[in-house]
Amino acid sequence: MRFYLQIIILFSGFLVFPQGEANIWYFGDGAGLDFNTDPPTALYDSPIYTIEGCATISDSSGQLLFYTDGRKVYNKLHQIMPNGEGLLGHSPAPQSVLTLRYK
């Protein structure tokens, strides 16, 4: 019985389909990476400048929803979102922002 359980656990990883919520990253001085391609594509279209804390969220198909440096929140068109300014994040802080996705 234990052998069969180990086999099931071993091969269950092949049945898992990855979600795309983390397929696009924005960070640093306007830089980013798009993991929807193989190899990943470098992105240079972000207005953010942050030394450490930032966050990016995509939908389940890997399409960008929004990203932030903890001070401003930008939409997929790289425009500041409504109420997306004046946030109290601090760019040198390693955890200046936290994003949650609620379904």
PDB file of N, CA and C in Angstrom:
ATOM      1  N   MET A   1       0.821  -1.193   0.000  1.00  0.00           N
ATOM      2  CA  MET A   1       0.000   0.000   0.000  1.00  0.00           C
ATOM      3  C   MET A   1       0.868   1.261   0.000  1.00  0.00           C
ATOM      4  N   ARG A   2       1.907   1.253   0.812  1.00  0.00           N
ATOM      5  CA  ARG A   2       2.792   2.418   0.887  1.00  0.00           C
ATOM      6  C   ARG A   2       3.489   2.649  -0.460  1.00  0.00           C
ATOM      7  N   PHE A   3       3.851   1.599  -1.138  1.00  0.00           N
ATOM      8  CA  PHE A   3       4.494   1.700  -2.448  1.00  0.00           C
ATOM      9  C   PHE A   3       3.565   2.390  -3.446  1.00  0.00           C
ATOM     10  N   TYR A   4       2.304   1.993  -3.456  1.00  0.00           N
ATOM     11  CA  TYR A   4       1.345   2.592  -4.390  1.00  0.00           C
ATOM     12  C   TYR A   4       1.119   4.077  -4.082  1.00  0.00           C
ATOM     13  N   LEU A   5       1.099   4.403  -2.817  1.00  0.00           N
ATOM     14  CA  LEU A   5       0.938   5.795  -2.421  1.00  0.00           C
ATOM     15  C   LEU A   5       2.132   6.631  -2.898  1.00  0.00           C
ATOM     16  N   GLN A   6       3.335   6.091  -2.777  1.00  0.00           N
ATOM     17  CA  GLN A   6       4.525   6.799  -3.249  1.00  0.00           C
ATOM     18  C   GLN A   6       4.484   6.988  -4.767  1.00  0.00           C
ATOM     19  N   ILE A   7       4.023   6.002  -5.499  1.00  0.00           N
ATOM     20  CA  ILE A   7       3.920   6.105  -6.955  1.00  0.00           C
ATOM     21  C   ILE A   7       2.900   7.178  -7.341  1.00  0.00           C
ATOM     22  N   ILE A   8       1.772   7.201  -6.659  1.00  0.00           N
ATOM     23  CA  ILE A   8       0.738   8.206  -6.946  1.00  0.00           C
ATOM     24  C   ILE A   8       1.266   9.606  -6.677  1.00  0.00           C
ATOM     25  N   ILE A   9       1.940   9.782  -5.563  1.00  0.00           N
ATOM     26  CA  ILE A   9       2.499  11.091  -5.233  1.00  0.00           C
ATOM     27  C   ILE A   9       3.570  11.485  -6.241  1.00  0.00           C
ATOM     28  N   LEU A  10       4.398  10.558  -6.656  1.00  0.00           N
ATOM     29  CA  LEU A  10       5.457  10.828  -7.615  1.00  0.00           C
ATOM     30  C   LEU A  10       4.900  11.323  -8.948  1.00  0.00           C
ATOM     31  N   PHE A  11       3.867  10.669  -9.458  1.00  0.00           N
ATOM     32  CA  PHE A  11       3.333  11.012 -10.772  1.00  0.00           C
ATOM     33  C   PHE A  11       2.223  12.061 -10.733  1.00  0.00           C
ATOM     34  N   SER A  12       1.764  12.449  -9.567  1.00  0.00           N
ATOM     35  CA  SER A  12       0.709  13.463  -9.501  1.00  0.00           C
ATOM     36  C   SER A  12       1.211  14.825  -9.952  1.00  0.00           C
ATOM     37  N   GLY A  13       2.503  15.062  -9.882  1.00  0.00           N
ATOM     38  CA  GLY A  13       3.068  16.324 -10.354  1.00  0.00           C
ATOM     39  C   GLY A  13       2.893  16.527 -11.849  1.00  0.00           C
ATOM     40  N   PHE A  14       2.761  15.442 -12.603  1.00  0.00           N
ATOM     41  CA  PHE A  14       2.567  15.557 -14.040  1.00  0.00           C
ATOM     42  C   PHE A  14       1.151  15.981 -14.403  1.00  0.00           C
ATOM     43  N   LEU A  15       0.232  15.894 -13.465  1.00  0.00           N
ATOM     44  CA  LEU A  15      -1.154  16.252 -13.720  1.00  0.00           C
ATOM     45  C   LEU A  15      -1.493  17.673 -13.310  1.00  0.00           C
ATOM     46  N   VAL A  16      -0.527  18.380 -12.755  1.00  0.00           N
ATOM     47  CA  VAL A  16      -0.745  19.729 -12.274  1.00  0.00           C
ATOM     48  C   VAL A  16      -0.471  20.719 -13.405  1.00  0.00           C
ATOM     49  N   PHE A  17      -1.362  21.687 -13.572  1.00  0.00           N
ATOM     50  CA  PHE A  17      -1.185  22.714 -14.580  1.00  0.00           C
ATOM     51  C   PHE A  17      -0.842  24.018 -13.873  1.00  0.00           C
ATOM     52  N   PRO A  18       0.243  24.664 -14.268  1.00  0.00           N
ATOM     53  CA  PRO A  18       0.635  25.895 -13.579  1.00  0.00           C
ATOM     54  C   PRO A  18      -0.316  27.040 -13.888  1.00  0.00           C
ATOM     55  N   GLN A  19      -0.514  27.904 -12.914  1.00  0.00           N
ATOM     56  CA  GLN A  19      -1.284  29.116 -13.110  1.00  0.00           C
ATOM     57  C   GLN A  19      -0.328  30.209 -13.577  1.00  0.00           C
ATOM     58  N   GLY A  20      -0.865  31.243 -14.194  1.00  0.00           N
ATOM     59  CA  GLY A  20      -0.020  32.291 -14.741  1.00  0.00           C
ATOM     60  C   GLY A  20       0.048  33.553 -13.913  1.00  0.00           C
ATOM     61  N   GLU A  21      -0.414  33.515 -12.660  1.00  0.00           N
ATOM     62  CA  GLU A  21      -0.481  34.723 -11.837  1.00  0.00           C
ATOM     63  C   GLU A  21       0.879  35.373 -11.606  1.00  0.00           C
ATOM     64  N   ALA A  22       1.954  34.627 -11.736  1.00  0.00           N
ATOM     65  CA  ALA A  22       3.297  35.172 -11.503  1.00  0.00           C
ATOM     66  C   ALA A  22       4.146  35.141 -12.771  1.00  0.00           C
ATOM     67  N   ASN A  23       3.534  35.171 -13.947  1.00  0.00           N
ATOM     68  CA  ASN A  23       4.285  35.063 -15.190  1.00  0.00           C
ATOM     69  C   ASN A  23       4.978  36.348 -15.617  1.00  0.00           C
ATOM     70  N   ILE A  24       4.556  37.484 -15.097  1.00  0.00           N
ATOM     71  CA  ILE A  24       5.189  38.755 -15.452  1.00  0.00           C
ATOM     72  C   ILE A  24       5.709  39.408 -14.176  1.00  0.00           C
ATOM     73  N   TRP A  25       6.959  39.847 -14.235  1.00  0.00           N
ATOM     74  CA  TRP A  25       7.582  40.527 -13.100  1.00  0.00           C
ATOM     75  C   TRP A  25       8.026  41.913 -13.537  1.00  0.00           C
ATOM     76  N   TYR A  26       7.808  42.923 -12.673  1.00  0.00           N
ATOM     77  CA  TYR A  26       8.388  44.251 -12.860  1.00  0.00           C
ATOM     78  C   TYR A  26       9.180  44.585 -11.611  1.00  0.00           C
ATOM     79  N   PHE A  27      10.363  45.186 -11.800  1.00  0.00           N
ATOM     80  CA  PHE A  27      11.259  45.456 -10.677  1.00  0.00           C
ATOM     81  C   PHE A  27      12.324  46.453 -11.117  1.00  0.00           C
ATOM     82  N   GLY A  28      13.105  46.933 -10.162  1.00  0.00           N
ATOM     83  CA  GLY A  28      14.281  47.740 -10.451  1.00  0.00           C
ATOM     84  C   GLY A  28      13.988  49.059 -11.138  1.00  0.00           C
ATOM     85  N   ASP A  29      14.789  49.387 -12.116  1.00  0.00           N
ATOM     86  CA  ASP A  29      14.710  50.650 -12.836  1.00  0.00           C
ATOM     87  C   ASP A  29      13.993  50.444 -14.168  1.00  0.00           C
ATOM     88  N   GLY A  30      12.680  50.268 -14.112  1.00  0.00           N
ATOM     89  CA  GLY A  30      11.880  50.084 -15.314  1.00  0.00           C
ATOM     90  C   GLY A  30      12.028  48.736 -15.975  1.00  0.00           C
ATOM     91  N   ALA A  31      12.610  47.789 -15.301  1.00  0.00           N
ATOM     92  CA  ALA A  31      12.876  46.479 -15.889  1.00  0.00           C
ATOM     93  C   ALA A  31      11.752  45.496 -15.587  1.00  0.00           C
ATOM     94  N   GLY A  32      11.697  44.437 -16.348  1.00  0.00           N
ATOM     95  CA  GLY A  32      10.723  43.387 -16.115  1.00  0.00           C
ATOM     96  C   GLY A  32      11.072  42.136 -16.888  1.00  0.00           C
ATOM     97  N   LEU A  33      10.375  41.067 -16.578  1.00  0.00           N
ATOM     98  CA  LEU A  33      10.525  39.790 -17.276  1.00  0.00           C
ATOM     99  C   LEU A  33       9.154  39.211 -17.556  1.00  0.00           C
ATOM    100  N   ASP A  34       8.982  38.660 -18.746  1.00  0.00           N
ATOM    101  CA  ASP A  34       7.743  37.997 -19.143  1.00  0.00           C
ATOM    102  C   ASP A  34       8.038  36.513 -19.309  1.00  0.00           C
ATOM    103  N   PHE A  35       7.525  35.699 -18.379  1.00  0.00           N
ATOM    104  CA  PHE A  35       7.751  34.260 -18.401  1.00  0.00           C
ATOM    105  C   PHE A  35       6.704  33.519 -19.219  1.00  0.00           C
ATOM    106  N   ASN A  36       5.876  34.242 -19.983  1.00  0.00           N
ATOM    107  CA  ASN A  36       4.929  33.601 -20.890  1.00  0.00           C
ATOM    108  C   ASN A  36       5.627  33.074 -22.132  1.00  0.00           C
ATOM    109  N   THR A  37       6.868  33.469 -22.347  1.00  0.00           N
ATOM    110  CA  THR A  37       7.648  33.012 -23.488  1.00  0.00           C
ATOM    111  C   THR A  37       8.814  32.158 -23.007  1.00  0.00           C
ATOM    112  N   ASP A  38       9.357  31.371 -23.913  1.00  0.00           N
ATOM    113  CA  ASP A  38      10.504  30.534 -23.580  1.00  0.00           C
ATOM    114  C   ASP A  38      11.586  30.754 -24.628  1.00  0.00           C
ATOM    115  N   PRO A  39      12.679  31.405 -24.302  1.00  0.00           N
ATOM    116  CA  PRO A  39      13.103  31.909 -23.001  1.00  0.00           C
ATOM    117  C   PRO A  39      12.311  33.164 -22.608  1.00  0.00           C
ATOM    118  N   PRO A  40      12.375  33.563 -21.337  1.00  0.00           N
ATOM    119  CA  PRO A  40      11.652  34.752 -20.892  1.00  0.00           C
ATOM    120  C   PRO A  40      12.072  36.000 -21.676  1.00  0.00           C
ATOM    121  N   THR A  41      11.117  36.894 -21.885  1.00  0.00           N
ATOM    122  CA  THR A  41      11.352  38.133 -22.621  1.00  0.00           C
ATOM    123  C   THR A  41      11.645  39.268 -21.648  1.00  0.00           C
ATOM    124  N   ALA A  42      12.680  40.051 -21.942  1.00  0.00           N
ATOM    125  CA  ALA A  42      12.990  41.233 -21.132  1.00  0.00           C
ATOM    126  C   ALA A  42      11.996  42.342 -21.466  1.00  0.00           C
ATOM    127  N   LEU A  43      11.528  43.035 -20.431  1.00  0.00           N
ATOM    128  CA  LEU A  43      10.590  44.150 -20.587  1.00  0.00           C
ATOM    129  C   LEU A  43      11.267  45.432 -20.118  1.00  0.00           C
ATOM    130  N   TYR A  44      11.008  46.518 -20.834  1.00  0.00           N
ATOM    131  CA  TYR A  44      11.629  47.806 -20.496  1.00  0.00           C
ATOM    132  C   TYR A  44      10.600  48.932 -20.461  1.00  0.00           C
ATOM    133  N   ASP A  45       9.330  48.624 -20.245  1.00  0.00           N
ATOM    134  CA  ASP A  45       8.274  49.622 -20.378  1.00  0.00           C
ATOM    135  C   ASP A  45       7.662  50.090 -19.061  1.00  0.00           C
ATOM    136  N   SER A  46       8.265  49.775 -17.952  1.00  0.00           N
ATOM    137  CA  SER A  46       7.710  50.129 -16.645  1.00  0.00           C
ATOM    138  C   SER A  46       8.232  51.479 -16.162  1.00  0.00           C
ATOM    139  N   PRO A  47       7.372  52.302 -15.558  1.00  0.00           N
ATOM    140  CA  PRO A  47       7.837  53.575 -15.002  1.00  0.00           C
ATOM    141  C   PRO A  47       8.373  53.473 -13.568  1.00  0.00           C
ATOM    142  N   ILE A  48       8.398  52.282 -12.984  1.00  0.00           N
ATOM    143  CA  ILE A  48       8.813  52.205 -11.580  1.00  0.00           C
ATOM    144  C   ILE A  48      10.333  52.236 -11.445  1.00  0.00           C
ATOM    145  N   TYR A  49      10.765  52.730 -10.308  1.00  0.00           N
ATOM    146  CA  TYR A  49      12.147  52.635  -9.876  1.00  0.00           C
ATOM    147  C   TYR A  49      12.110  52.245  -8.411  1.00  0.00           C
ATOM    148  N   THR A  50      12.577  51.055  -8.128  1.00  0.00           N
ATOM    149  CA  THR A  50      12.589  50.582  -6.747  1.00  0.00           C
ATOM    150  C   THR A  50      13.831  49.738  -6.521  1.00  0.00           C
ATOM    151  N   ILE A  51      14.414  49.890  -5.363  1.00  0.00           N
ATOM    152  CA  ILE A  51      15.608  49.122  -5.027  1.00  0.00           C
ATOM    153  C   ILE A  51      15.229  47.711  -4.591  1.00  0.00           C
ATOM    154  N   GLU A  52      14.148  47.571  -3.824  1.00  0.00           N
ATOM    155  CA  GLU A  52      13.787  46.255  -3.315  1.00  0.00           C
ATOM    156  C   GLU A  52      12.311  45.922  -3.482  1.00  0.00           C
ATOM    157  N   GLY A  53      11.426  46.491  -2.671  1.00  0.00           N
ATOM    158  CA  GLY A  53      10.047  46.028  -2.585  1.00  0.00           C
ATOM    159  C   GLY A  53       9.183  46.376  -3.780  1.00  0.00           C
ATOM    160  N   CYS A  54       8.607  45.360  -4.417  1.00  0.00           N
ATOM    161  CA  CYS A  54       7.672  45.559  -5.521  1.00  0.00           C
ATOM    162  C   CYS A  54       6.831  44.287  -5.659  1.00  0.00           C
ATOM    163  N   ALA A  55       5.726  44.394  -6.398  1.00  0.00           N
ATOM    164  CA  ALA A  55       4.854  43.233  -6.589  1.00  0.00           C
ATOM    165  C   ALA A  55       4.137  43.369  -7.926  1.00  0.00           C
ATOM    166  N   THR A  56       3.897  42.240  -8.572  1.00  0.00           N
ATOM    167  CA  THR A  56       3.201  42.196  -9.855  1.00  0.00           C
ATOM    168  C   THR A  56       2.184  41.075  -9.814  1.00  0.00           C
ATOM    169  N   ILE A  57       0.992  41.320 -10.351  1.00  0.00           N
ATOM    170  CA  ILE A  57      -0.053  40.300 -10.404  1.00  0.00           C
ATOM    171  C   ILE A  57      -0.575  40.190 -11.826  1.00  0.00           C
ATOM    172  N   SER A  58      -0.688  38.961 -12.312  1.00  0.00           N
ATOM    173  CA  SER A  58      -1.279  38.671 -13.611  1.00  0.00           C
ATOM    174  C   SER A  58      -2.516  37.816 -13.399  1.00  0.00           C
ATOM    175  N   ASP A  59      -3.312  37.641 -14.440  1.00  0.00           N
ATOM    176  CA  ASP A  59      -4.458  36.742 -14.325  1.00  0.00           C
ATOM    177  C   ASP A  59      -3.992  35.300 -14.536  1.00  0.00           C
ATOM    178  N   SER A  60      -4.894  34.350 -14.491  1.00  0.00           N
ATOM    179  CA  SER A  60      -4.507  32.936 -14.565  1.00  0.00           C
ATOM    180  C   SER A  60      -3.927  32.557 -15.921  1.00  0.00           C
ATOM    181  N   SER A  61      -4.162  33.363 -16.951  1.00  0.00           N
ATOM    182  CA  SER A  61      -3.575  33.070 -18.260  1.00  0.00           C
ATOM    183  C   SER A  61      -2.250  33.801 -18.464  1.00  0.00           C
ATOM    184  N   GLY A  62      -1.776  34.522 -17.451  1.00  0.00           N
ATOM    185  CA  GLY A  62      -0.479  35.176 -17.521  1.00  0.00           C
ATOM    186  C   GLY A  62      -0.510  36.580 -18.068  1.00  0.00           C
ATOM    187  N   GLN A  63      -1.691  37.186 -18.213  1.00  0.00           N
ATOM    188  CA  GLN A  63      -1.805  38.552 -18.710  1.00  0.00           C
ATOM    189  C   GLN A  63      -1.720  39.525 -17.538  1.00  0.00           C
ATOM    190  N   LEU A  64      -0.899  40.551 -17.673  1.00  0.00           N
ATOM    191  CA  LEU A  64      -0.657  41.516 -16.610  1.00  0.00           C
ATOM    192  C   LEU A  64      -1.948  42.184 -16.155  1.00  0.00           C
ATOM    193  N   LEU A  65      -2.156  42.271 -14.836  1.00  0.00           N
ATOM    194  CA  LEU A  65      -3.281  42.999 -14.258  1.00  0.00           C
ATOM    195  C   LEU A  65      -2.804  44.331 -13.686  1.00  0.00           C
ATOM    196  N   PHE A  66      -1.848  44.265 -12.744  1.00  0.00           N
ATOM    197  CA  PHE A  66      -1.302  45.485 -12.155  1.00  0.00           C
ATOM    198  C   PHE A  66       0.025  45.179 -11.490  1.00  0.00           C
ATOM    199  N   TYR A  67       0.766  46.248 -11.182  1.00  0.00           N
ATOM    200  CA  TYR A  67       2.018  46.115 -10.453  1.00  0.00           C
ATOM    201  C   TYR A  67       2.246  47.370  -9.632  1.00  0.00           C
ATOM    202  N   THR A  68       3.096  47.260  -8.623  1.00  0.00           N
ATOM    203  CA  THR A  68       3.304  48.369  -7.696  1.00  0.00           C
ATOM    204  C   THR A  68       4.710  48.341  -7.113  1.00  0.00           C
ATOM    205  N   ASP A  69       5.168  49.519  -6.731  1.00  0.00           N
ATOM    206  CA  ASP A  69       6.429  49.645  -6.000  1.00  0.00           C
ATOM    207  C   ASP A  69       6.167  49.976  -4.532  1.00  0.00           C
ATOM    208  N   GLY A  70       4.910  49.908  -4.119  1.00  0.00           N
ATOM    209  CA  GLY A  70       4.541  50.224  -2.739  1.00  0.00           C
ATOM    210  C   GLY A  70       4.149  51.671  -2.545  1.00  0.00           C
ATOM    211  N   ARG A  71       4.426  52.509  -3.547  1.00  0.00           N
ATOM    212  CA  ARG A  71       4.055  53.926  -3.482  1.00  0.00           C
ATOM    213  C   ARG A  71       2.991  54.280  -4.511  1.00  0.00           C
ATOM    214  N   LYS A  72       3.058  53.630  -5.682  1.00  0.00           N
ATOM    215  CA  LYS A  72       2.083  53.836  -6.751  1.00  0.00           C
ATOM    216  C   LYS A  72       1.684  52.477  -7.310  1.00  0.00           C
ATOM    217  N   VAL A  73       0.446  52.394  -7.813  1.00  0.00           N
ATOM    218  CA  VAL A  73      -0.044  51.166  -8.429  1.00  0.00           C
ATOM    219  C   VAL A  73      -0.338  51.464  -9.896  1.00  0.00           C
ATOM    220  N   TYR A  74       0.211  50.652 -10.788  1.00  0.00           N
ATOM    221  CA  TYR A  74       0.065  50.842 -12.221  1.00  0.00           C
ATOM    222  C   TYR A  74      -0.778  49.720 -12.819  1.00  0.00           C
ATOM    223  N   ASN A  75      -1.585  50.053 -13.829  1.00  0.00           N
ATOM    224  CA  ASN A  75      -2.381  49.037 -14.511  1.00  0.00           C
ATOM    225  C   ASN A  75      -1.576  48.426 -15.657  1.00  0.00           C
ATOM    226  N   LYS A  76      -2.214  47.566 -16.454  1.00  0.00           N
ATOM    227  CA  LYS A  76      -1.515  46.874 -17.531  1.00  0.00           C
ATOM    228  C   LYS A  76      -1.065  47.811 -18.648  1.00  0.00           C
ATOM    229  N   LEU A  77      -1.605  49.035 -18.681  1.00  0.00           N
ATOM    230  CA  LEU A  77      -1.193  50.031 -19.673  1.00  0.00           C
ATOM    231  C   LEU A  77      -0.106  50.955 -19.119  1.00  0.00           C
ATOM    232  N   HIS A  78       0.407  50.635 -17.919  1.00  0.00           N
ATOM    233  CA  HIS A  78       1.471  51.376 -17.239  1.00  0.00           C
ATOM    234  C   HIS A  78       1.013  52.775 -16.825  1.00  0.00           C
ATOM    235  N   GLN A  79      -0.279  52.910 -16.558  1.00  0.00           N
ATOM    236  CA  GLN A  79      -0.857  54.157 -16.062  1.00  0.00           C
ATOM    237  C   GLN A  79      -1.194  53.980 -14.585  1.00  0.00           C
ATOM    238  N   ILE A  80      -1.097  55.069 -13.830  1.00  0.00           N
ATOM    239  CA  ILE A  80      -1.435  54.998 -12.409  1.00  0.00           C
ATOM    240  C   ILE A  80      -2.934  54.729 -12.281  1.00  0.00           C
ATOM    241  N   MET A  81      -3.293  53.752 -11.464  1.00  0.00           N
ATOM    242  CA  MET A  81      -4.691  53.370 -11.276  1.00  0.00           C
ATOM    243  C   MET A  81      -5.409  54.390 -10.383  1.00  0.00           C
ATOM    244  N   PRO A  82      -6.745  54.454 -10.450  1.00  0.00           N
ATOM    245  CA  PRO A  82      -7.493  55.328  -9.535  1.00  0.00           C
ATOM    246  C   PRO A  82      -7.159  54.976  -8.080  1.00  0.00           C
ATOM    247  N   ASN A  83      -6.906  55.977  -7.275  1.00  0.00           N
ATOM    248  CA  ASN A  83      -6.498  55.812  -5.871  1.00  0.00           C
ATOM    249  C   ASN A  83      -5.174  55.059  -5.743  1.00  0.00           C
ATOM    250  N   GLY A  84      -4.372  55.057  -6.787  1.00  0.00           N
ATOM    251  CA  GLY A  84      -3.111  54.320  -6.793  1.00  0.00           C
ATOM    252  C   GLY A  84      -1.888  55.154  -6.481  1.00  0.00           C
ATOM    253  N   GLU A  85      -2.083  56.339  -5.911  1.00  0.00           N
ATOM    254  CA  GLU A  85      -0.957  57.196  -5.536  1.00  0.00           C
ATOM    255  C   GLU A  85      -1.011  57.514  -4.049  1.00  0.00           C
ATOM    256  N   GLY A  86       0.123  57.934  -3.530  1.00  0.00           N
ATOM    257  CA  GLY A  86       0.166  58.347  -2.132  1.00  0.00           C
ATOM    258  C   GLY A  86       0.174  57.191  -1.156  1.00  0.00           C
ATOM    259  N   LEU A  87       0.524  56.018  -1.624  1.00  0.00           N
ATOM    260  CA  LEU A  87       0.611  54.869  -0.723  1.00  0.00           C
ATOM    261  C   LEU A  87       1.867  55.010   0.120  1.00  0.00           C
ATOM    262  N   LEU A  88       1.891  54.361   1.245  1.00  0.00           N
ATOM    263  CA  LEU A  88       2.964  54.590   2.207  1.00  0.00           C
ATOM    264  C   LEU A  88       4.070  53.553   2.164  1.00  0.00           C
ATOM    265  N   GLY A  89       4.210  52.859   1.045  1.00  0.00           N
ATOM    266  CA  GLY A  89       5.331  51.930   0.904  1.00  0.00           C
ATOM    267  C   GLY A  89       6.640  52.691   0.798  1.00  0.00           C
ATOM    268  N   HIS A  90       7.715  52.036   1.120  1.00  0.00           N
ATOM    269  CA  HIS A  90       9.035  52.658   1.078  1.00  0.00           C
ATOM    270  C   HIS A  90       9.915  51.799   0.190  1.00  0.00           C
ATOM    271  N   SER A  91      10.413  52.354  -0.926  1.00  0.00           N
ATOM    272  CA  SER A  91      11.099  51.547  -1.938  1.00  0.00           C
ATOM    273  C   SER A  91      12.314  50.768  -1.441  1.00  0.00           C
ATOM    274  N   PRO A  92      13.129  51.271  -0.503  1.00  0.00           N
ATOM    275  CA  PRO A  92      14.250  50.450  -0.055  1.00  0.00           C
ATOM    276  C   PRO A  92      13.850  49.312   0.891  1.00  0.00           C
ATOM    277  N   ALA A  93      12.592  49.289   1.327  1.00  0.00           N
ATOM    278  CA  ALA A  93      12.165  48.227   2.255  1.00  0.00           C
ATOM    279  C   ALA A  93      11.979  46.922   1.491  1.00  0.00           C
ATOM    280  N   PRO A  94      12.499  45.821   1.991  1.00  0.00           N
ATOM    281  CA  PRO A  94      12.359  44.549   1.286  1.00  0.00           C
ATOM    282  C   PRO A  94      10.918  44.066   1.183  1.00  0.00           C
ATOM    283  N   GLN A  95      10.044  44.484   2.086  1.00  0.00           N
ATOM    284  CA  GLN A  95       8.645  44.081   2.031  1.00  0.00           C
ATOM    285  C   GLN A  95       7.771  45.334   2.099  1.00  0.00           C
ATOM    286  N   SER A  96       7.923  46.214   1.099  1.00  0.00           N
ATOM    287  CA  SER A  96       7.159  47.465   1.130  1.00  0.00           C
ATOM    288  C   SER A  96       5.747  47.286   0.622  1.00  0.00           C
ATOM    289  N   VAL A  97       5.432  46.125   0.044  1.00  0.00           N
ATOM    290  CA  VAL A  97       4.112  45.912  -0.526  1.00  0.00           C
ATOM    291  C   VAL A  97       3.755  44.438  -0.435  1.00  0.00           C
ATOM    292  N   LEU A  98       2.466  44.193  -0.319  1.00  0.00           N
ATOM    293  CA  LEU A  98       1.927  42.837  -0.314  1.00  0.00           C
ATOM    294  C   LEU A  98       0.655  42.853  -1.130  1.00  0.00           C
ATOM    295  N   THR A  99       0.528  41.955  -2.091  1.00  0.00           N
ATOM    296  CA  THR A  99      -0.685  41.880  -2.895  1.00  0.00           C
ATOM    297  C   THR A  99      -1.375  40.552  -2.639  1.00  0.00           C
ATOM    298  N   LEU A 100      -2.682  40.595  -2.643  1.00  0.00           N
ATOM    299  CA  LEU A 100      -3.494  39.397  -2.463  1.00  0.00           C
ATOM    300  C   LEU A 100      -4.502  39.325  -3.580  1.00  0.00           C
ATOM    301  N   ARG A 101      -4.779  38.131  -4.051  1.00  0.00           N
ATOM    302  CA  ARG A 101      -5.806  37.948  -5.065  1.00  0.00           C
ATOM    303  C   ARG A 101      -6.920  37.132  -4.438  1.00  0.00           C
ATOM    304  N   TYR A 102      -8.112  37.683  -4.471  1.00  0.00           N
ATOM    305  CA  TYR A 102      -9.265  37.030  -3.865  1.00  0.00           C
ATOM    306  C   TYR A 102     -10.198  36.573  -4.962  1.00  0.00           C
ATOM    307  N   LYS A 103     -10.590  35.325  -4.905  1.00  0.00           N
ATOM    308  CA  LYS A 103     -11.537  34.788  -5.907  1.00  0.00           C
ATOM    309  C   LYS A 103     -12.888  34.615  -5.281  1.00  0.00           C
TER     310      LYS A 103
END
